[in-house]
Protein backbone atom coordinates (compact mmCIF):
# COMPACT_ATOMS: atom_id res chain seq x y z
CA MET A 1 78.87 91.21 128.41
CA SER A 2 76.87 92.01 125.27
CA HIS A 3 73.96 94.39 125.10
CA PRO A 4 70.55 92.65 124.83
CA ASP A 5 69.79 94.52 121.57
CA ALA A 6 73.20 93.81 120.04
CA PRO A 7 73.02 91.83 116.81
CA ILE A 8 74.08 88.21 116.92
CA ILE A 9 77.14 87.70 114.76
CA GLU A 10 77.53 84.25 113.30
CA VAL A 11 81.09 83.09 112.83
CA ASP A 12 81.86 80.77 109.95
CA LEU A 13 84.24 78.42 111.79
CA GLU A 14 85.14 76.56 108.59
CA ARG A 15 86.31 79.80 106.99
CA ALA A 16 88.04 80.93 110.16
CA THR A 17 89.97 77.72 110.75
CA HIS A 18 90.60 76.05 107.39
CA HIS A 19 91.59 77.58 104.08
CA GLY A 20 92.24 75.95 100.73
CA TYR A 21 95.98 76.40 101.06
CA THR A 22 96.18 74.82 104.53
CA SER A 23 97.38 71.47 103.22
CA ASN A 24 100.21 73.27 101.37
CA LYS A 25 100.92 75.83 104.07
CA ASP A 26 104.48 74.64 104.75
CA ALA A 27 105.37 74.82 101.05
CA TYR A 28 103.94 78.35 100.80
CA LEU A 29 105.85 79.44 103.90
CA LYS A 30 109.07 77.96 102.51
CA ARG A 31 108.60 79.82 99.22
CA LEU A 32 107.76 83.07 101.01
CA LYS A 33 110.84 82.79 103.22
CA ARG A 34 112.95 82.30 100.08
CA ILE A 35 111.36 85.41 98.55
CA GLU A 36 112.00 87.30 101.78
CA GLY A 37 115.67 86.36 101.44
CA GLN A 38 115.66 87.57 97.84
CA VAL A 39 114.25 90.94 98.90
CA ARG A 40 116.85 91.29 101.66
CA GLY A 41 119.49 90.53 99.03
CA ILE A 42 118.08 93.25 96.79
CA ALA A 43 118.26 95.74 99.68
CA ARG A 44 121.91 94.78 100.20
CA MET A 45 122.58 95.32 96.51
CA VAL A 46 121.20 98.85 96.79
CA GLU A 47 123.20 99.48 99.97
CA ASP A 48 126.34 98.26 98.17
CA ASP A 49 125.66 100.44 95.10
CA LYS A 50 125.39 97.49 92.71
CA TYR A 51 124.65 98.00 89.03
CA CYS A 52 121.03 99.06 88.48
CA ILE A 53 120.32 96.43 85.81
CA ASP A 54 121.48 93.67 88.18
CA ILE A 55 119.13 95.02 90.85
CA LEU A 56 116.25 95.15 88.36
CA THR A 57 116.97 91.56 87.34
CA GLN A 58 116.69 90.46 90.97
CA ILE A 59 113.49 92.48 91.45
CA ALA A 60 112.01 90.74 88.40
CA ALA A 61 112.92 87.34 89.87
CA ALA A 62 111.31 88.19 93.22
CA THR A 63 108.23 89.54 91.48
CA LYS A 64 107.91 86.36 89.41
CA ALA A 65 108.22 84.26 92.57
CA LEU A 66 105.47 86.29 94.28
CA HIS A 67 103.25 85.88 91.22
CA ALA A 68 103.74 82.11 91.40
CA VAL A 69 102.63 82.12 95.04
CA SER A 70 99.67 84.33 94.12
CA LEU A 71 98.55 82.02 91.33
CA GLY A 72 98.82 79.04 93.64
CA LEU A 73 96.61 80.78 96.20
CA VAL A 74 94.06 81.70 93.52
CA GLU A 75 93.99 78.07 92.40
CA GLU A 76 93.57 76.93 96.02
CA HIS A 77 90.72 79.45 96.51
CA ILE A 78 88.89 78.20 93.44
CA GLY A 79 89.49 74.54 94.23
CA HIS A 80 88.51 74.82 97.88
CA CYS A 81 86.34 77.86 98.52
CA VAL A 82 84.40 78.06 95.25
CA VAL A 83 83.96 74.29 95.03
CA GLY A 84 83.00 74.26 98.72
CA ALA A 85 80.34 76.88 98.07
CA ALA A 86 78.98 74.67 95.28
CA SER A 87 78.34 71.90 97.81
CA GLU A 88 75.92 74.06 99.85
CA PRO A 89 72.66 72.07 100.00
CA ASN A 90 70.34 75.11 99.97
CA PRO A 91 70.06 76.22 96.29
CA GLU A 92 69.57 79.93 97.09
CA ALA A 93 72.43 80.02 99.59
CA ARG A 94 74.56 77.97 97.18
CA ALA A 95 74.07 80.50 94.35
CA GLU A 96 74.88 83.41 96.69
CA GLN A 97 77.97 81.70 98.09
CA ILE A 98 79.28 80.74 94.66
CA ASP A 99 78.77 84.30 93.40
CA ALA A 100 80.56 85.71 96.46
CA LYS A 101 83.53 83.34 96.16
CA VAL A 102 83.89 83.90 92.41
CA LYS A 103 83.75 87.67 92.98
CA GLU A 104 86.46 87.37 95.65
CA ALA A 105 88.65 85.47 93.17
CA THR A 106 87.94 87.91 90.35
CA ASP A 107 88.72 90.91 92.58
CA ALA A 108 91.95 89.29 93.75
CA ILE A 109 93.01 88.55 90.18
CA GLY A 110 92.22 92.15 89.27
CA ARG A 111 94.47 93.39 92.07
CA LEU A 112 97.25 91.10 90.84
CA LEU A 113 96.98 92.47 87.33
CA ARG A 114 97.27 96.13 88.34
């Protein structure tokens, strides 16, 4: 039971239940499982004392695969979340939502570039 003075928290059900990548979720999961296998293979290479350059080559391949997934998710965010914010009928809310979604994307891209 909530306290009578407790703030009311609104839940954005659209955000909570549907994301831009949802229609491609199975493809993302398949790619991530393949990357997971690559990383397990890299761990085995280290366990088996494989040549360091071969290990680095495999790390580069896994990193590239993760970057591809990341770029796909950024594209999905822009195409779904930013475009969705642009369809907000209230002009003030629309501007705020667009700014927030673009900032989320920019921050995520910044983290990817570090």
